[in-house]
PDB file of N, CA and C in Angstrom:
ATOM      1  N   MET A   1     -23.598  44.171 -80.936  1.00  0.00           N
ATOM      2  CA  MET A   1     -23.766  44.407 -82.285  1.00  0.00           C
ATOM      3  C   MET A   1     -24.074  46.060 -82.434  1.00  0.00           C
ATOM      4  N   GLU A   2     -23.416  46.694 -83.385  1.00  0.00           N
ATOM      5  CA  GLU A   2     -23.764  48.066 -83.548  1.00  0.00           C
ATOM      6  C   GLU A   2     -25.071  48.491 -83.761  1.00  0.00           C
ATOM      7  N   THR A   3     -25.630  49.624 -83.386  1.00  0.00           N
ATOM      8  CA  THR A   3     -26.914  50.086 -83.684  1.00  0.00           C
ATOM      9  C   THR A   3     -27.295  50.136 -85.089  1.00  0.00           C
ATOM     10  N   SER A   4     -26.421  50.593 -85.994  1.00  0.00           N
ATOM     11  CA  SER A   4     -26.598  50.628 -87.479  1.00  0.00           C
ATOM     12  C   SER A   4     -26.685  49.113 -87.821  1.00  0.00           C
ATOM     13  N   LEU A   5     -26.084  48.207 -87.463  1.00  0.00           N
ATOM     14  CA  LEU A   5     -26.143  46.732 -87.865  1.00  0.00           C
ATOM     15  C   LEU A   5     -27.459  46.122 -87.259  1.00  0.00           C
ATOM     16  N   ARG A   6     -27.731  46.521 -86.340  1.00  0.00           N
ATOM     17  CA  ARG A   6     -29.048  46.015 -85.703  1.00  0.00           C
ATOM     18  C   ARG A   6     -30.282  46.493 -86.466  1.00  0.00           C
ATOM     19  N   LYS A   7     -30.099  47.867 -86.878  1.00  0.00           N
ATOM     20  CA  LYS A   7     -31.293  48.383 -87.750  1.00  0.00           C
ATOM     21  C   LYS A   7     -31.344  47.612 -89.300  1.00  0.00           C
ATOM     22  N   LYS A   8     -30.158  47.321 -89.584  1.00  0.00           N
ATOM     23  CA  LYS A   8     -30.168  46.723 -91.085  1.00  0.00           C
ATOM     24  C   LYS A   8     -30.818  45.358 -90.928  1.00  0.00           C
ATOM     25  N   TYR A   9     -30.309  44.629 -89.822  1.00  0.00           N
ATOM     26  CA  TYR A   9     -30.769  43.197 -89.348  1.00  0.00           C
ATOM     27  C   TYR A   9     -32.230  43.335 -89.463  1.00  0.00           C
ATOM     28  N   TRP A  10     -32.766  44.182 -88.592  1.00  0.00           N
ATOM     29  CA  TRP A  10     -34.229  44.228 -88.380  1.00  0.00           C
ATOM     30  C   TRP A  10     -34.924  44.554 -89.699  1.00  0.00           C
ATOM     31  N   LYS A  11     -34.459  45.382 -90.441  1.00  0.00           N
ATOM     32  CA  LYS A  11     -35.115  45.747 -91.716  1.00  0.00           C
ATOM     33  C   LYS A  11     -35.078  44.566 -92.655  1.00  0.00           C
ATOM     34  N   GLU A  12     -34.115  43.990 -92.714  1.00  0.00           N
ATOM     35  CA  GLU A  12     -34.151  42.748 -93.695  1.00  0.00           C
ATOM     36  C   GLU A  12     -34.979  41.690 -93.185  1.00  0.00           C
ATOM     37  N   ASN A  13     -35.040  41.587 -91.827  1.00  0.00           N
ATOM     38  CA  ASN A  13     -36.122  40.661 -91.237  1.00  0.00           C
ATOM     39  C   ASN A  13     -37.438  41.197 -91.457  1.00  0.00           C
ATOM     40  N   LEU A  14     -37.749  42.313 -91.319  1.00  0.00           N
ATOM     41  CA  LEU A  14     -39.263  42.723 -91.651  1.00  0.00           C
ATOM     42  C   LEU A  14     -39.568  42.596 -93.216  1.00  0.00           C
ATOM     43  N   ARG A  15     -38.524  42.908 -94.016  1.00  0.00           N
ATOM     44  CA  ARG A  15     -38.711  42.547 -95.499  1.00  0.00           C
ATOM     45  C   ARG A  15     -39.062  41.178 -95.736  1.00  0.00           C
ATOM     46  N   TYR A  16     -38.245  40.194 -95.224  1.00  0.00           N
ATOM     47  CA  TYR A  16     -38.661  38.712 -95.258  1.00  0.00           C
ATOM     48  C   TYR A  16     -40.151  38.563 -94.735  1.00  0.00           C
ATOM     49  N   LEU A  17     -40.369  38.922 -93.710  1.00  0.00           N
ATOM     50  CA  LEU A  17     -41.717  38.695 -93.065  1.00  0.00           C
ATOM     51  C   LEU A  17     -42.863  39.291 -94.106  1.00  0.00           C
ATOM     52  N   ALA A  18     -42.726  40.506 -94.525  1.00  0.00           N
ATOM     53  CA  ALA A  18     -43.683  41.185 -95.268  1.00  0.00           C
ATOM     54  C   ALA A  18     -43.851  40.186 -96.715  1.00  0.00           C
ATOM     55  N   ILE A  19     -42.785  40.004 -97.331  1.00  0.00           N
ATOM     56  CA  ILE A  19     -42.899  38.943 -98.669  1.00  0.00           C
ATOM     57  C   ILE A  19     -43.436  37.698 -98.217  1.00  0.00           C
ATOM     58  N   LEU A  20     -43.132  37.018 -97.185  1.00  0.00           N
ATOM     59  CA  LEU A  20     -43.810  35.785 -96.777  1.00  0.00           C
ATOM     60  C   LEU A  20     -45.238  35.927 -96.322  1.00  0.00           C
ATOM     61  N   LEU A  21     -45.499  36.888 -95.578  1.00  0.00           N
ATOM     62  CA  LEU A  21     -46.880  37.181 -95.271  1.00  0.00           C
ATOM     63  C   LEU A  21     -47.787  37.537 -96.648  1.00  0.00           C
ATOM     64  N   PHE A  22     -47.235  38.188 -97.500  1.00  0.00           N
ATOM     65  CA  PHE A  22     -48.047  38.430 -98.608  1.00  0.00           C
ATOM     66  C   PHE A  22     -48.254  37.309 -99.507  1.00  0.00           C
ATOM     67  N   ILE A  23     -47.281  36.196 -99.553  1.00  0.00           N
ATOM     68  CA  ILE A  23     -47.332  34.966-100.277  1.00  0.00           C
ATOM     69  C   ILE A  23     -48.513  34.340 -99.474  1.00  0.00           C
ATOM     70  N   TRP A  24     -48.613  34.140 -98.174  1.00  0.00           N
ATOM     71  CA  TRP A  24     -49.446  33.429 -97.294  1.00  0.00           C
ATOM     72  C   TRP A  24     -50.980  34.248 -97.640  1.00  0.00           C
ATOM     73  N   PHE A  25     -51.000  35.546 -97.627  1.00  0.00           N
ATOM     74  CA  PHE A  25     -52.237  36.101 -97.883  1.00  0.00           C
ATOM     75  C   PHE A  25     -52.975  35.886 -99.351  1.00  0.00           C
ATOM     76  N   LEU A  26     -51.908  35.815-100.290  1.00  0.00           N
ATOM     77  CA  LEU A  26     -52.342  35.785-101.771  1.00  0.00           C
ATOM     78  C   LEU A  26     -52.966  34.346-101.787  1.00  0.00           C
ATOM     79  N   VAL A  27     -52.171  33.231-101.160  1.00  0.00           N
ATOM     80  CA  VAL A  27     -52.574  31.916-101.344  1.00  0.00           C
ATOM     81  C   VAL A  27     -53.822  31.625-100.452  1.00  0.00           C
ATOM     82  N   SER A  28     -53.989  32.027 -99.425  1.00  0.00           N
ATOM     83  CA  SER A  28     -55.115  31.699 -98.476  1.00  0.00           C
ATOM     84  C   SER A  28     -56.308  32.519 -98.722  1.00  0.00           C
ATOM     85  N   TYR A  29     -56.306  33.898 -98.935  1.00  0.00           N
ATOM     86  CA  TYR A  29     -57.351  34.709 -99.345  1.00  0.00           C
ATOM     87  C   TYR A  29     -57.678  34.807-100.737  1.00  0.00           C
ATOM     88  N   GLY A  30     -56.404  35.037-101.434  1.00  0.00           N
ATOM     89  CA  GLY A  30     -56.669  35.271-102.912  1.00  0.00           C
ATOM     90  C   GLY A  30     -57.148  34.153-103.540  1.00  0.00           C
ATOM     91  N   PHE A  31     -56.388  32.963-103.429  1.00  0.00           N
ATOM     92  CA  PHE A  31     -56.595  31.761-104.213  1.00  0.00           C
ATOM     93  C   PHE A  31     -57.807  31.009-103.571  1.00  0.00           C
ATOM     94  N   GLY A  32     -57.919  31.079-102.245  1.00  0.00           N
ATOM     95  CA  GLY A  32     -59.152  30.251-101.497  1.00  0.00           C
ATOM     96  C   GLY A  32     -60.444  31.047-101.379  1.00  0.00           C
ATOM     97  N   ILE A  33     -60.514  32.195-101.625  1.00  0.00           N
ATOM     98  CA  ILE A  33     -61.523  32.983-101.624  1.00  0.00           C
ATOM     99  C   ILE A  33     -62.054  33.703-102.749  1.00  0.00           C
ATOM    100  N   LEU A  34     -61.204  34.697-103.117  1.00  0.00           N
ATOM    101  CA  LEU A  34     -61.504  35.751-104.275  1.00  0.00           C
ATOM    102  C   LEU A  34     -61.475  34.825-105.630  1.00  0.00           C
ATOM    103  N   LEU A  35     -60.513  34.112-105.867  1.00  0.00           N
ATOM    104  CA  LEU A  35     -60.291  33.452-107.119  1.00  0.00           C
ATOM    105  C   LEU A  35     -60.832  32.045-107.182  1.00  0.00           C
ATOM    106  N   VAL A  36     -61.651  31.628-106.262  1.00  0.00           N
ATOM    107  CA  VAL A  36     -62.065  30.213-106.136  1.00  0.00           C
ATOM    108  C   VAL A  36     -63.116  29.788-107.450  1.00  0.00           C
ATOM    109  N   ASP A  37     -63.500  30.767-107.894  1.00  0.00           N
ATOM    110  CA  ASP A  37     -64.460  30.332-109.148  1.00  0.00           C
ATOM    111  C   ASP A  37     -63.688  30.035-110.429  1.00  0.00           C
ATOM    112  N   GLU A  38     -62.682  30.833-110.691  1.00  0.00           N
ATOM    113  CA  GLU A  38     -61.685  30.590-111.701  1.00  0.00           C
ATOM    114  C   GLU A  38     -60.819  29.210-111.482  1.00  0.00           C
ATOM    115  N   LEU A  39     -60.395  29.155-110.305  1.00  0.00           N
ATOM    116  CA  LEU A  39     -59.514  27.990-109.962  1.00  0.00           C
ATOM    117  C   LEU A  39     -60.403  26.510-109.926  1.00  0.00           C
ATOM    118  N   ASN A  40     -61.652  26.844-109.625  1.00  0.00           N
ATOM    119  CA  ASN A  40     -62.625  25.590-109.721  1.00  0.00           C
ATOM    120  C   ASN A  40     -62.805  24.908-111.119  1.00  0.00           C
ATOM    121  N   THR A  41     -62.389  25.505-112.005  1.00  0.00           N
ATOM    122  CA  THR A  41     -62.558  25.106-113.601  1.00  0.00           C
ATOM    123  C   THR A  41     -61.417  23.873-113.762  1.00  0.00           C
ATOM    124  N   ILE A  42     -60.185  23.938-112.834  1.00  0.00           N
ATOM    125  CA  ILE A  42     -59.145  23.122-112.754  1.00  0.00           C
ATOM    126  C   ILE A  42     -59.326  21.964-111.694  1.00  0.00           C
ATOM    127  N   ARG A  43     -59.025  20.837-112.059  1.00  0.00           N
ATOM    128  CA  ARG A  43     -59.101  19.703-110.983  1.00  0.00           C
ATOM    129  C   ARG A  43     -57.625  19.203-110.663  1.00  0.00           C
ATOM    130  N   LEU A  44     -57.604  18.795-109.343  1.00  0.00           N
ATOM    131  CA  LEU A  44     -56.517  18.351-108.712  1.00  0.00           C
ATOM    132  C   LEU A  44     -56.672  17.173-107.789  1.00  0.00           C
ATOM    133  N   GLY A  45     -56.272  16.034-108.135  1.00  0.00           N
ATOM    134  CA  GLY A  45     -56.639  14.651-107.605  1.00  0.00           C
ATOM    135  C   GLY A  45     -58.253  14.563-107.426  1.00  0.00           C
ATOM    136  N   GLY A  46     -58.730  14.889-108.262  1.00  0.00           N
ATOM    137  CA  GLY A  46     -60.268  14.653-108.437  1.00  0.00           C
ATOM    138  C   GLY A  46     -61.102  15.888-107.736  1.00  0.00           C
ATOM    139  N   PHE A  47     -60.472  16.819-107.200  1.00  0.00           N
ATOM    140  CA  PHE A  47     -61.154  17.805-106.419  1.00  0.00           C
ATOM    141  C   PHE A  47     -60.817  19.155-107.122  1.00  0.00           C
ATOM    142  N   LYS A  48     -61.699  20.110-107.037  1.00  0.00           N
ATOM    143  CA  LYS A  48     -61.612  21.463-107.634  1.00  0.00           C
ATOM    144  C   LYS A  48     -60.347  22.288-106.933  1.00  0.00           C
ATOM    145  N   LEU A  49     -59.717  22.933-107.817  1.00  0.00           N
ATOM    146  CA  LEU A  49     -58.451  23.582-107.272  1.00  0.00           C
ATOM    147  C   LEU A  49     -58.871  24.626-106.227  1.00  0.00           C
ATOM    148  N   GLY A  50     -59.974  25.295-106.512  1.00  0.00           N
ATOM    149  CA  GLY A  50     -60.339  26.501-105.625  1.00  0.00           C
ATOM    150  C   GLY A  50     -60.614  25.752-104.188  1.00  0.00           C
ATOM    151  N   PHE A  51     -61.446  24.640-104.212  1.00  0.00           N
ATOM    152  CA  PHE A  51     -61.613  23.866-102.956  1.00  0.00           C
ATOM    153  C   PHE A  51     -60.334  23.351-102.224  1.00  0.00           C
ATOM    154  N   TRP A  52     -59.512  22.953-103.103  1.00  0.00           N
ATOM    155  CA  TRP A  52     -58.242  22.261-102.668  1.00  0.00           C
ATOM    156  C   TRP A  52     -57.445  23.428-101.838  1.00  0.00           C
ATOM    157  N   PHE A  53     -57.398  24.690-102.605  1.00  0.00           N
ATOM    158  CA  PHE A  53     -56.703  25.836-101.990  1.00  0.00           C
ATOM    159  C   PHE A  53     -57.337  26.236-100.638  1.00  0.00           C
ATOM    160  N   ALA A  54     -58.641  26.335-100.610  1.00  0.00           N
ATOM    161  CA  ALA A  54     -59.406  26.745 -99.327  1.00  0.00           C
ATOM    162  C   ALA A  54     -59.313  25.835 -98.184  1.00  0.00           C
ATOM    163  N   GLN A  55     -59.405  24.483 -98.484  1.00  0.00           N
ATOM    164  CA  GLN A  55     -59.208  23.670 -97.448  1.00  0.00           C
ATOM    165  C   GLN A  55     -57.696  22.900 -97.147  1.00  0.00           C
ATOM    166  N   GLN A  56     -56.813  22.753 -97.964  1.00  0.00           N
ATOM    167  CA  GLN A  56     -55.712  22.170 -97.621  1.00  0.00           C
ATOM    168  C   GLN A  56     -54.293  22.924 -98.170  1.00  0.00           C
ATOM    169  N   GLY A  57     -54.704  23.419 -99.483  1.00  0.00           N
ATOM    170  CA  GLY A  57     -53.324  24.344-100.128  1.00  0.00           C
ATOM    171  C   GLY A  57     -52.773  25.462 -99.282  1.00  0.00           C
ATOM    172  N   SER A  58     -53.594  26.232 -98.707  1.00  0.00           N
ATOM    173  CA  SER A  58     -53.264  27.150 -97.832  1.00  0.00           C
ATOM    174  C   SER A  58     -52.284  26.959 -96.387  1.00  0.00           C
ATOM    175  N   ILE A  59     -52.843  25.627 -95.950  1.00  0.00           N
ATOM    176  CA  ILE A  59     -52.110  25.039 -94.795  1.00  0.00           C
ATOM    177  C   ILE A  59     -50.890  24.487 -95.249  1.00  0.00           C
ATOM    178  N   TYR A  60     -50.661  23.906 -96.348  1.00  0.00           N
ATOM    179  CA  TYR A  60     -49.384  23.357 -96.850  1.00  0.00           C
ATOM    180  C   TYR A  60     -48.384  24.496 -97.114  1.00  0.00           C
ATOM    181  N   VAL A  61     -48.901  25.557 -97.919  1.00  0.00           N
ATOM    182  CA  VAL A  61     -48.044  26.728 -98.146  1.00  0.00           C
ATOM    183  C   VAL A  61     -47.609  27.313 -96.728  1.00  0.00           C
ATOM    184  N   PHE A  62     -48.739  27.345 -95.979  1.00  0.00           N
ATOM    185  CA  PHE A  62     -48.174  28.134 -94.541  1.00  0.00           C
ATOM    186  C   PHE A  62     -46.932  27.364 -93.938  1.00  0.00           C
ATOM    187  N   VAL A  63     -47.070  25.991 -93.968  1.00  0.00           N
ATOM    188  CA  VAL A  63     -45.915  25.139 -93.438  1.00  0.00           C
ATOM    189  C   VAL A  63     -44.783  25.321 -94.037  1.00  0.00           C
ATOM    190  N   ILE A  64     -44.749  25.282 -95.355  1.00  0.00           N
ATOM    191  CA  ILE A  64     -43.695  25.448 -96.300  1.00  0.00           C
ATOM    192  C   ILE A  64     -43.039  26.916 -96.036  1.00  0.00           C
ATOM    193  N   LEU A  65     -43.901  27.964 -95.852  1.00  0.00           N
ATOM    194  CA  LEU A  65     -43.232  29.123 -95.575  1.00  0.00           C
ATOM    195  C   LEU A  65     -42.676  29.248 -94.226  1.00  0.00           C
ATOM    196  N   ILE A  66     -43.059  28.653 -93.285  1.00  0.00           N
ATOM    197  CA  ILE A  66     -42.400  28.546 -91.849  1.00  0.00           C
ATOM    198  C   ILE A  66     -40.806  27.978 -92.155  1.00  0.00           C
ATOM    199  N   PHE A  67     -40.703  26.951 -92.917  1.00  0.00           N
ATOM    200  CA  PHE A  67     -39.517  26.410 -93.307  1.00  0.00           C
ATOM    201  C   PHE A  67     -38.668  27.392 -93.895  1.00  0.00           C
ATOM    202  N   VAL A  68     -39.354  28.115 -94.974  1.00  0.00           N
ATOM    203  CA  VAL A  68     -38.569  28.997 -95.653  1.00  0.00           C
ATOM    204  C   VAL A  68     -38.139  30.112 -94.654  1.00  0.00           C
ATOM    205  N   TYR A  69     -38.723  30.563 -93.932  1.00  0.00           N
ATOM    206  CA  TYR A  69     -38.568  31.677 -93.047  1.00  0.00           C
ATOM    207  C   TYR A  69     -37.308  31.313 -91.985  1.00  0.00           C
ATOM    208  N   VAL A  70     -37.308  29.849 -91.568  1.00  0.00           N
ATOM    209  CA  VAL A  70     -36.236  29.450 -90.727  1.00  0.00           C
ATOM    210  C   VAL A  70     -34.955  29.463 -91.524  1.00  0.00           C
ATOM    211  N   ARG A  71     -34.948  28.982 -92.621  1.00  0.00           N
ATOM    212  CA  ARG A  71     -33.772  29.085 -93.480  1.00  0.00           C
ATOM    213  C   ARG A  71     -33.219  30.549 -94.043  1.00  0.00           C
ATOM    214  N   LEU A  72     -34.116  31.424 -94.320  1.00  0.00           N
ATOM    215  CA  LEU A  72     -33.715  32.850 -94.441  1.00  0.00           C
ATOM    216  C   LEU A  72     -33.313  33.355 -93.171  1.00  0.00           C
ATOM    217  N   MET A  73     -33.786  33.134 -92.153  1.00  0.00           N
ATOM    218  CA  MET A  73     -33.505  33.689 -90.821  1.00  0.00           C
ATOM    219  C   MET A  73     -31.919  33.098 -90.446  1.00  0.00           C
ATOM    220  N   ASN A  74     -31.755  31.853 -90.680  1.00  0.00           N
ATOM    221  CA  ASN A  74     -30.347  31.419 -90.346  1.00  0.00           C
ATOM    222  C   ASN A  74     -29.307  31.883 -91.126  1.00  0.00           C
ATOM    223  N   LYS A  75     -29.735  32.209 -92.604  1.00  0.00           N
ATOM    224  CA  LYS A  75     -28.693  32.728 -93.498  1.00  0.00           C
ATOM    225  C   LYS A  75     -28.482  34.355 -92.828  1.00  0.00           C
ATOM    226  N   LEU A  76     -29.565  34.983 -92.603  1.00  0.00           N
ATOM    227  CA  LEU A  76     -29.416  36.307 -92.031  1.00  0.00           C
ATOM    228  C   LEU A  76     -28.607  36.416 -90.632  1.00  0.00           C
ATOM    229  N   ASP A  77     -28.922  35.544 -89.903  1.00  0.00           N
ATOM    230  CA  ASP A  77     -28.102  35.272 -88.771  1.00  0.00           C
ATOM    231  C   ASP A  77     -26.504  35.276 -88.895  1.00  0.00           C
ATOM    232  N   LYS A  78     -26.096  34.425 -89.860  1.00  0.00           N
ATOM    233  CA  LYS A  78     -24.907  34.202 -90.126  1.00  0.00           C
ATOM    234  C   LYS A  78     -24.100  35.387 -90.735  1.00  0.00           C
ATOM    235  N   LYS A  79     -25.024  35.994 -91.679  1.00  0.00           N
ATOM    236  CA  LYS A  79     -24.639  37.388 -92.351  1.00  0.00           C
ATOM    237  C   LYS A  79     -24.307  38.420 -91.347  1.00  0.00           C
ATOM    238  N   TYR A  80     -25.063  38.545 -90.071  1.00  0.00           N
ATOM    239  CA  TYR A  80     -24.900  39.597 -89.271  1.00  0.00           C
ATOM    240  C   TYR A  80     -24.041  38.945 -87.969  1.00  0.00           C
ATOM    241  N   ASN A  81     -23.417  37.814 -88.160  1.00  0.00           N
ATOM    242  CA  ASN A  81     -22.866  37.213 -86.989  1.00  0.00           C
ATOM    243  C   ASN A  81     -23.643  36.826 -85.666  1.00  0.00           C
ATOM    244  N   VAL A  82     -24.907  36.788 -85.834  1.00  0.00           N
ATOM    245  CA  VAL A  82     -25.459  36.520 -84.321  1.00  0.00           C
ATOM    246  C   VAL A  82     -26.174  35.095 -84.430  1.00  0.00           C
ATOM    247  N   ASN A  83     -25.541  34.165 -85.065  1.00  0.00           N
ATOM    248  CA  ASN A  83     -25.994  32.716 -85.127  1.00  0.00           C
ATOM    249  C   ASN A  83     -25.623  32.044 -83.965  1.00  0.00           C
ATOM    250  N   GLU A  84     -26.226  31.012 -83.555  1.00  0.00           N
ATOM    251  CA  GLU A  84     -25.982  30.385 -82.446  1.00  0.00           C
ATOM    252  C   GLU A  84     -24.875  29.223 -82.664  1.00  0.00           C
TER     253      GLU A  84
END
């Protein structure tokens, strides 16, 4: 692969990582810690939503983001013809 294509590939990869890490930060730190009092006014399955995000929601979102990243990288690999 040419150097310019490698740089474009890596730049897109870093953009995906930045977006996904921001989402993870927002859910785990923002919803689980900073906005917990506001979210605790809402109930989900009998539990306060802030508690749910702090205990389980951030883990679920993290696992979902892993699958999203795999899908995005597979598309990126095909785009730059480096797929397996």
